[in-house]
PDB file of N, CA and C in Angstrom:
ATOM      1  N   MET A   1       8.046  -0.928  15.547  1.00  0.00           N
ATOM      2  CA  MET A   1       8.685  -2.238  15.389  1.00  0.00           C
ATOM      3  C   MET A   1       7.965  -2.993  14.363  1.00  0.00           C
ATOM      4  N   ILE A   2       6.640  -2.966  14.241  1.00  0.00           N
ATOM      5  CA  ILE A   2       5.875  -3.689  13.260  1.00  0.00           C
ATOM      6  C   ILE A   2       6.291  -3.262  11.890  1.00  0.00           C
ATOM      7  N   GLU A   3       6.578  -1.982  11.661  1.00  0.00           N
ATOM      8  CA  GLU A   3       6.875  -1.458  10.352  1.00  0.00           C
ATOM      9  C   GLU A   3       8.273  -1.977   9.990  1.00  0.00           C
ATOM     10  N   GLN A   4       9.159  -2.156  10.841  1.00  0.00           N
ATOM     11  CA  GLN A   4      10.434  -2.728  10.633  1.00  0.00           C
ATOM     12  C   GLN A   4      10.411  -4.208  10.170  1.00  0.00           C
ATOM     13  N   ILE A   5       9.522  -4.924  10.753  1.00  0.00           N
ATOM     14  CA  ILE A   5       9.289  -6.319  10.360  1.00  0.00           C
ATOM     15  C   ILE A   5       8.653  -6.339   9.007  1.00  0.00           C
ATOM     16  N   ALA A   6       7.690  -5.500   8.768  1.00  0.00           N
ATOM     17  CA  ALA A   6       7.051  -5.470   7.480  1.00  0.00           C
ATOM     18  C   ALA A   6       8.052  -5.040   6.327  1.00  0.00           C
ATOM     19  N   ILE A   7       8.880  -4.105   6.620  1.00  0.00           N
ATOM     20  CA  ILE A   7       9.874  -3.731   5.662  1.00  0.00           C
ATOM     21  C   ILE A   7      10.840  -4.875   5.333  1.00  0.00           C
ATOM     22  N   ALA A   8      11.236  -5.524   6.369  1.00  0.00           N
ATOM     23  CA  ALA A   8      12.165  -6.706   6.121  1.00  0.00           C
ATOM     24  C   ALA A   8      11.562  -7.759   5.404  1.00  0.00           C
ATOM     25  N   ILE A   9      10.338  -8.100   5.674  1.00  0.00           N
ATOM     26  CA  ILE A   9       9.659  -9.287   5.021  1.00  0.00           C
ATOM     27  C   ILE A   9       9.418  -8.928   3.576  1.00  0.00           C
ATOM     28  N   THR A  10       8.689  -7.733   3.322  1.00  0.00           N
ATOM     29  CA  THR A  10       8.380  -7.384   1.973  1.00  0.00           C
ATOM     30  C   THR A  10       9.614  -7.122   1.119  1.00  0.00           C
ATOM     31  N   GLY A  11      10.536  -6.534   1.687  1.00  0.00           N
ATOM     32  CA  GLY A  11      11.846  -6.184   1.036  1.00  0.00           C
ATOM     33  C   GLY A  11      12.633  -7.452   0.586  1.00  0.00           C
ATOM     34  N   VAL A  12      12.782  -8.361   1.471  1.00  0.00           N
ATOM     35  CA  VAL A  12      13.469  -9.571   1.121  1.00  0.00           C
ATOM     36  C   VAL A  12      12.813 -10.358   0.120  1.00  0.00           C
ATOM     37  N   ILE A  13      11.500 -10.541   0.284  1.00  0.00           N
ATOM     38  CA  ILE A  13      10.722 -11.268  -0.709  1.00  0.00           C
ATOM     39  C   ILE A  13      10.897 -10.591  -2.127  1.00  0.00           C
ATOM     40  N   ALA A  14      10.697  -9.240  -2.117  1.00  0.00           N
ATOM     41  CA  ALA A  14      10.720  -8.557  -3.452  1.00  0.00           C
ATOM     42  C   ALA A  14      12.068  -8.678  -4.083  1.00  0.00           C
ATOM     43  N   ILE A  15      13.156  -8.525  -3.353  1.00  0.00           N
ATOM     44  CA  ILE A  15      14.465  -8.688  -3.930  1.00  0.00           C
ATOM     45  C   ILE A  15      14.686 -10.115  -4.396  1.00  0.00           C
ATOM     46  N   TRP A  16      14.274 -11.042  -3.604  1.00  0.00           N
ATOM     47  CA  TRP A  16      14.461 -12.521  -3.925  1.00  0.00           C
ATOM     48  C   TRP A  16      13.724 -12.800  -5.281  1.00  0.00           C
ATOM     49  N   LEU A  17      12.495 -12.284  -5.348  1.00  0.00           N
ATOM     50  CA  LEU A  17      11.771 -12.562  -6.623  1.00  0.00           C
ATOM     51  C   LEU A  17      12.306 -11.855  -7.783  1.00  0.00           C
ATOM     52  N   THR A  18      12.994 -10.758  -7.623  1.00  0.00           N
ATOM     53  CA  THR A  18      13.534 -10.113  -8.931  1.00  0.00           C
ATOM     54  C   THR A  18      14.706 -10.982  -9.423  1.00  0.00           C
ATOM     55  N   GLN A  19      15.301 -11.952  -8.662  1.00  0.00           N
ATOM     56  CA  GLN A  19      16.404 -12.637  -9.150  1.00  0.00           C
ATOM     57  C   GLN A  19      16.059 -14.063  -9.720  1.00  0.00           C
ATOM     58  N   GLN A  20      14.775 -14.332  -9.730  1.00  0.00           N
ATOM     59  CA  GLN A  20      14.330 -15.726 -10.144  1.00  0.00           C
ATOM     60  C   GLN A  20      14.318 -15.847 -11.698  1.00  0.00           C
ATOM     61  N   ASP A  21      14.637 -17.052 -12.155  1.00  0.00           N
ATOM     62  CA  ASP A  21      14.620 -17.363 -13.520  1.00  0.00           C
ATOM     63  C   ASP A  21      13.204 -17.508 -14.049  1.00  0.00           C
ATOM     64  N   ASN A  22      12.324 -17.830 -13.182  1.00  0.00           N
ATOM     65  CA  ASN A  22      10.863 -18.056 -13.562  1.00  0.00           C
ATOM     66  C   ASN A  22      10.207 -16.662 -13.705  1.00  0.00           C
ATOM     67  N   ASN A  23       9.822 -16.269 -14.824  1.00  0.00           N
ATOM     68  CA  ASN A  23       9.176 -14.950 -15.011  1.00  0.00           C
ATOM     69  C   ASN A  23       7.850 -14.828 -14.420  1.00  0.00           C
ATOM     70  N   GLU A  24       7.152 -15.937 -14.245  1.00  0.00           N
ATOM     71  CA  GLU A  24       5.941 -15.879 -13.557  1.00  0.00           C
ATOM     72  C   GLU A  24       6.097 -15.452 -12.015  1.00  0.00           C
ATOM     73  N   TRP A  25       7.178 -15.930 -11.446  1.00  0.00           N
ATOM     74  CA  TRP A  25       7.503 -15.607 -10.101  1.00  0.00           C
ATOM     75  C   TRP A  25       8.013 -14.148  -9.971  1.00  0.00           C
ATOM     76  N   LYS A  26       8.857 -13.818 -10.943  1.00  0.00           N
ATOM     77  CA  LYS A  26       9.450 -12.538 -11.026  1.00  0.00           C
ATOM     78  C   LYS A  26       8.495 -11.408 -11.044  1.00  0.00           C
ATOM     79  N   ARG A  27       7.407 -11.531 -11.718  1.00  0.00           N
ATOM     80  CA  ARG A  27       6.390 -10.480 -11.869  1.00  0.00           C
ATOM     81  C   ARG A  27       5.744 -10.116 -10.519  1.00  0.00           C
ATOM     82  N   TYR A  28       5.835 -10.978  -9.514  1.00  0.00           N
ATOM     83  CA  TYR A  28       5.307 -10.702  -8.165  1.00  0.00           C
ATOM     84  C   TYR A  28       6.135  -9.779  -7.391  1.00  0.00           C
ATOM     85  N   ALA A  29       7.441  -9.555  -7.746  1.00  0.00           N
ATOM     86  CA  ALA A  29       8.331  -8.765  -7.039  1.00  0.00           C
ATOM     87  C   ALA A  29       7.772  -7.285  -6.795  1.00  0.00           C
ATOM     88  N   CYS A  30       7.197  -6.727  -7.805  1.00  0.00           N
ATOM     89  CA  CYS A  30       6.690  -5.329  -7.668  1.00  0.00           C
ATOM     90  C   CYS A  30       5.540  -5.271  -6.751  1.00  0.00           C
ATOM     91  N   LEU A  31       4.784  -6.319  -6.606  1.00  0.00           N
ATOM     92  CA  LEU A  31       3.646  -6.359  -5.624  1.00  0.00           C
ATOM     93  C   LEU A  31       4.132  -6.300  -4.128  1.00  0.00           C
ATOM     94  N   PHE A  32       5.142  -7.136  -3.962  1.00  0.00           N
ATOM     95  CA  PHE A  32       5.728  -7.132  -2.606  1.00  0.00           C
ATOM     96  C   PHE A  32       6.469  -5.874  -2.296  1.00  0.00           C
ATOM     97  N   GLY A  33       7.174  -5.376  -3.363  1.00  0.00           N
ATOM     98  CA  GLY A  33       7.860  -4.068  -3.162  1.00  0.00           C
ATOM     99  C   GLY A  33       6.915  -2.914  -2.896  1.00  0.00           C
ATOM    100  N   MET A  34       5.862  -2.857  -3.540  1.00  0.00           N
ATOM    101  CA  MET A  34       4.845  -1.852  -3.337  1.00  0.00           C
ATOM    102  C   MET A  34       4.121  -2.024  -1.967  1.00  0.00           C
ATOM    103  N   ALA A  35       3.937  -3.251  -1.642  1.00  0.00           N
ATOM    104  CA  ALA A  35       3.245  -3.524  -0.277  1.00  0.00           C
ATOM    105  C   ALA A  35       4.134  -2.998   0.846  1.00  0.00           C
ATOM    106  N   GLY A  36       5.481  -2.935   0.701  1.00  0.00           N
ATOM    107  CA  GLY A  36       6.265  -2.430   1.783  1.00  0.00           C
ATOM    108  C   GLY A  36       6.364  -0.852   1.801  1.00  0.00           C
ATOM    109  N   GLN A  37       5.970  -0.184   0.800  1.00  0.00           N
ATOM    110  CA  GLN A  37       6.183   1.183   0.644  1.00  0.00           C
ATOM    111  C   GLN A  37       5.456   2.052   1.740  1.00  0.00           C
ATOM    112  N   PRO A  38       4.205   1.626   2.136  1.00  0.00           N
ATOM    113  CA  PRO A  38       3.609   2.434   3.281  1.00  0.00           C
ATOM    114  C   PRO A  38       4.381   2.302   4.533  1.00  0.00           C
ATOM    115  N   PHE A  39       4.984   1.232   4.799  1.00  0.00           N
ATOM    116  CA  PHE A  39       5.831   1.042   6.010  1.00  0.00           C
ATOM    117  C   PHE A  39       7.112   1.884   5.858  1.00  0.00           C
ATOM    118  N   TRP A  40       7.685   1.945   4.710  1.00  0.00           N
ATOM    119  CA  TRP A  40       8.905   2.846   4.515  1.00  0.00           C
ATOM    120  C   TRP A  40       8.522   4.273   4.725  1.00  0.00           C
ATOM    121  N   PHE A  41       7.419   4.679   4.156  1.00  0.00           N
ATOM    122  CA  PHE A  41       6.978   6.128   4.294  1.00  0.00           C
ATOM    123  C   PHE A  41       6.737   6.366   5.837  1.00  0.00           C
ATOM    124  N   TYR A  42       6.046   5.538   6.485  1.00  0.00           N
ATOM    125  CA  TYR A  42       5.718   5.775   7.868  1.00  0.00           C
ATOM    126  C   TYR A  42       6.982   5.800   8.753  1.00  0.00           C
ATOM    127  N   SER A  43       7.833   4.819   8.493  1.00  0.00           N
ATOM    128  CA  SER A  43       9.116   4.697   9.327  1.00  0.00           C
ATOM    129  C   SER A  43       9.994   5.903   9.108  1.00  0.00           C
ATOM    130  N   SER A  44      10.205   6.298   7.906  1.00  0.00           N
ATOM    131  CA  SER A  44      11.054   7.481   7.576  1.00  0.00           C
ATOM    132  C   SER A  44      10.515   8.701   8.097  1.00  0.00           C
ATOM    133  N   TYR A  45       9.142   8.876   8.014  1.00  0.00           N
ATOM    134  CA  TYR A  45       8.444  10.011   8.525  1.00  0.00           C
ATOM    135  C   TYR A  45       8.653  10.170  10.024  1.00  0.00           C
ATOM    136  N   GLN A  46       8.297   9.007  10.726  1.00  0.00           N
ATOM    137  CA  GLN A  46       8.346   9.015  12.230  1.00  0.00           C
ATOM    138  C   GLN A  46       9.798   9.265  12.728  1.00  0.00           C
ATOM    139  N   SER A  47      10.826   8.827  11.991  1.00  0.00           N
ATOM    140  CA  SER A  47      12.213   8.996  12.455  1.00  0.00           C
ATOM    141  C   SER A  47      12.828  10.223  11.864  1.00  0.00           C
ATOM    142  N   GLU A  48      12.002  11.039  11.114  1.00  0.00           N
ATOM    143  CA  GLU A  48      12.457  12.253  10.490  1.00  0.00           C
ATOM    144  C   GLU A  48      13.667  12.105   9.652  1.00  0.00           C
ATOM    145  N   GLN A  49      13.703  10.965   8.850  1.00  0.00           N
ATOM    146  CA  GLN A  49      14.779  10.767   7.925  1.00  0.00           C
ATOM    147  C   GLN A  49      14.253  11.197   6.524  1.00  0.00           C
ATOM    148  N   TRP A  50      14.433  12.544   6.384  1.00  0.00           N
ATOM    149  CA  TRP A  50      13.820  13.109   5.167  1.00  0.00           C
ATOM    150  C   TRP A  50      14.323  12.692   3.847  1.00  0.00           C
ATOM    151  N   GLY A  51      15.641  12.373   3.846  1.00  0.00           N
ATOM    152  CA  GLY A  51      16.257  11.851   2.541  1.00  0.00           C
ATOM    153  C   GLY A  51      15.625  10.470   2.230  1.00  0.00           C
ATOM    154  N   ILE A  52      15.435   9.680   3.157  1.00  0.00           N
ATOM    155  CA  ILE A  52      14.858   8.387   2.856  1.00  0.00           C
ATOM    156  C   ILE A  52      13.337   8.556   2.530  1.00  0.00           C
ATOM    157  N   PHE A  53      12.642   9.492   3.154  1.00  0.00           N
ATOM    158  CA  PHE A  53      11.320   9.818   2.901  1.00  0.00           C
ATOM    159  C   PHE A  53      11.153  10.225   1.339  1.00  0.00           C
ATOM    160  N   VAL A  54      12.049  11.054   0.889  1.00  0.00           N
ATOM    161  CA  VAL A  54      12.046  11.458  -0.486  1.00  0.00           C
ATOM    162  C   VAL A  54      12.347  10.306  -1.454  1.00  0.00           C
ATOM    163  N   LEU A  55      13.261   9.467  -1.010  1.00  0.00           N
ATOM    164  CA  LEU A  55      13.534   8.317  -1.844  1.00  0.00           C
ATOM    165  C   LEU A  55      12.364   7.371  -1.908  1.00  0.00           C
ATOM    166  N   CYS A  56      11.523   7.283  -0.950  1.00  0.00           N
ATOM    167  CA  CYS A  56      10.342   6.467  -1.025  1.00  0.00           C
ATOM    168  C   CYS A  56       9.426   6.737  -2.146  1.00  0.00           C
ATOM    169  N   PHE A  57       9.353   8.006  -2.554  1.00  0.00           N
ATOM    170  CA  PHE A  57       8.582   8.381  -3.744  1.00  0.00           C
ATOM    171  C   PHE A  57       9.174   7.815  -5.009  1.00  0.00           C
ATOM    172  N   PHE A  58      10.427   7.829  -5.096  1.00  0.00           N
ATOM    173  CA  PHE A  58      11.137   7.170  -6.292  1.00  0.00           C
ATOM    174  C   PHE A  58      10.970   5.682  -6.319  1.00  0.00           C
ATOM    175  N   TYR A  59      11.151   5.053  -5.147  1.00  0.00           N
ATOM    176  CA  TYR A  59      10.981   3.601  -5.077  1.00  0.00           C
ATOM    177  C   TYR A  59       9.511   3.255  -5.383  1.00  0.00           C
ATOM    178  N   ALA A  60       8.569   3.918  -4.797  1.00  0.00           N
ATOM    179  CA  ALA A  60       7.177   3.621  -5.083  1.00  0.00           C
ATOM    180  C   ALA A  60       6.838   3.829  -6.541  1.00  0.00           C
ATOM    181  N   TYR A  61       7.442   4.762  -7.186  1.00  0.00           N
ATOM    182  CA  TYR A  61       7.220   4.991  -8.647  1.00  0.00           C
ATOM    183  C   TYR A  61       7.826   3.806  -9.382  1.00  0.00           C
ATOM    184  N   ALA A  62       8.974   3.341  -8.990  1.00  0.00           N
ATOM    185  CA  ALA A  62       9.621   2.266  -9.674  1.00  0.00           C
ATOM    186  C   ALA A  62       8.747   0.980  -9.580  1.00  0.00           C
ATOM    187  N   TRP A  63       8.306   0.755  -8.387  1.00  0.00           N
ATOM    188  CA  TRP A  63       7.470  -0.477  -8.134  1.00  0.00           C
ATOM    189  C   TRP A  63       6.155  -0.309  -8.890  1.00  0.00           C
ATOM    190  N   TYR A  64       5.614   0.944  -9.042  1.00  0.00           N
ATOM    191  CA  TYR A  64       4.347   1.201  -9.798  1.00  0.00           C
ATOM    192  C   TYR A  64       4.613   0.800 -11.245  1.00  0.00           C
ATOM    193  N   VAL A  65       5.774   1.198 -11.871  1.00  0.00           N
ATOM    194  CA  VAL A  65       6.159   0.833 -13.218  1.00  0.00           C
ATOM    195  C   VAL A  65       6.108  -0.712 -13.374  1.00  0.00           C
ATOM    196  N   GLY A  66       6.654  -1.389 -12.400  1.00  0.00           N
ATOM    197  CA  GLY A  66       6.604  -2.871 -12.439  1.00  0.00           C
ATOM    198  C   GLY A  66       5.201  -3.396 -12.471  1.00  0.00           C
ATOM    199  N   ILE A  67       4.335  -2.803 -11.627  1.00  0.00           N
ATOM    200  CA  ILE A  67       2.932  -3.212 -11.617  1.00  0.00           C
ATOM    201  C   ILE A  67       2.246  -2.921 -12.944  1.00  0.00           C
ATOM    202  N   LYS A  68       2.561  -1.787 -13.450  1.00  0.00           N
ATOM    203  CA  LYS A  68       1.951  -1.343 -14.740  1.00  0.00           C
ATOM    204  C   LYS A  68       2.464  -2.283 -15.870  1.00  0.00           C
ATOM    205  N   ASN A  69       3.663  -2.543 -15.953  1.00  0.00           N
ATOM    206  CA  ASN A  69       4.215  -3.457 -16.991  1.00  0.00           C
ATOM    207  C   ASN A  69       3.824  -4.901 -16.838  1.00  0.00           C
ATOM    208  N   ASN A  70       3.757  -5.411 -15.620  1.00  0.00           N
ATOM    209  CA  ASN A  70       3.485  -6.842 -15.378  1.00  0.00           C
ATOM    210  C   ASN A  70       2.047  -7.236 -15.138  1.00  0.00           C
ATOM    211  N   TRP A  71       1.263  -6.255 -14.702  1.00  0.00           N
ATOM    212  CA  TRP A  71      -0.117  -6.526 -14.363  1.00  0.00           C
ATOM    213  C   TRP A  71      -1.212  -5.756 -15.039  1.00  0.00           C
ATOM    214  N   MET A  72      -0.822  -4.632 -15.597  1.00  0.00           N
ATOM    215  CA  MET A  72      -1.916  -3.754 -16.200  1.00  0.00           C
ATOM    216  C   MET A  72      -1.857  -3.712 -17.711  1.00  0.00           C
ATOM    217  N   GLU A  73      -0.746  -4.048 -18.257  1.00  0.00           N
ATOM    218  CA  GLU A  73      -0.601  -4.032 -19.768  1.00  0.00           C
ATOM    219  C   GLU A  73      -1.365  -5.215 -20.435  1.00  0.00           C
ATOM    220  N   LYS A  74      -1.888  -5.045 -21.521  1.00  0.00           N
ATOM    221  CA  LYS A  74      -2.464  -6.169 -22.230  1.00  0.00           C
ATOM    222  C   LYS A  74      -1.432  -7.263 -22.574  1.00  0.00           C
ATOM    223  N   GLY A  75      -1.922  -8.476 -22.504  1.00  0.00           N
ATOM    224  CA  GLY A  75      -1.063  -9.617 -22.775  1.00  0.00           C
ATOM    225  C   GLY A  75      -0.266 -10.120 -21.604  1.00  0.00           C
ATOM    226  N   ASN A  76      -0.542  -9.538 -20.386  1.00  0.00           N
ATOM    227  CA  ASN A  76       0.145  -9.975 -19.163  1.00  0.00           C
ATOM    228  C   ASN A  76      -0.752 -10.830 -18.217  1.00  0.00           C
ATOM    229  N   GLU A  77      -1.852 -11.346 -18.719  1.00  0.00           N
ATOM    230  CA  GLU A  77      -2.782 -11.951 -17.810  1.00  0.00           C
ATOM    231  C   GLU A  77      -2.207 -13.272 -17.434  1.00  0.00           C
TER     232      GLU A  77
END
């Protein structure tokens, strides 16, 4: 149950942030998206939803790219 709440909260915030005009806010979307990934992995593993479990790797990678581009690259301080 906790993982479902965490998925909902982090997911809604991440999606909402991706749609903002303010680029300073938008760059936080990947942090919330990545924060939800452990809950996605756990939930899909526990319920044996192997397709979703595999998709979690792709989503985690996509959020990682956002973190790399928005937080780790020079000039993004």
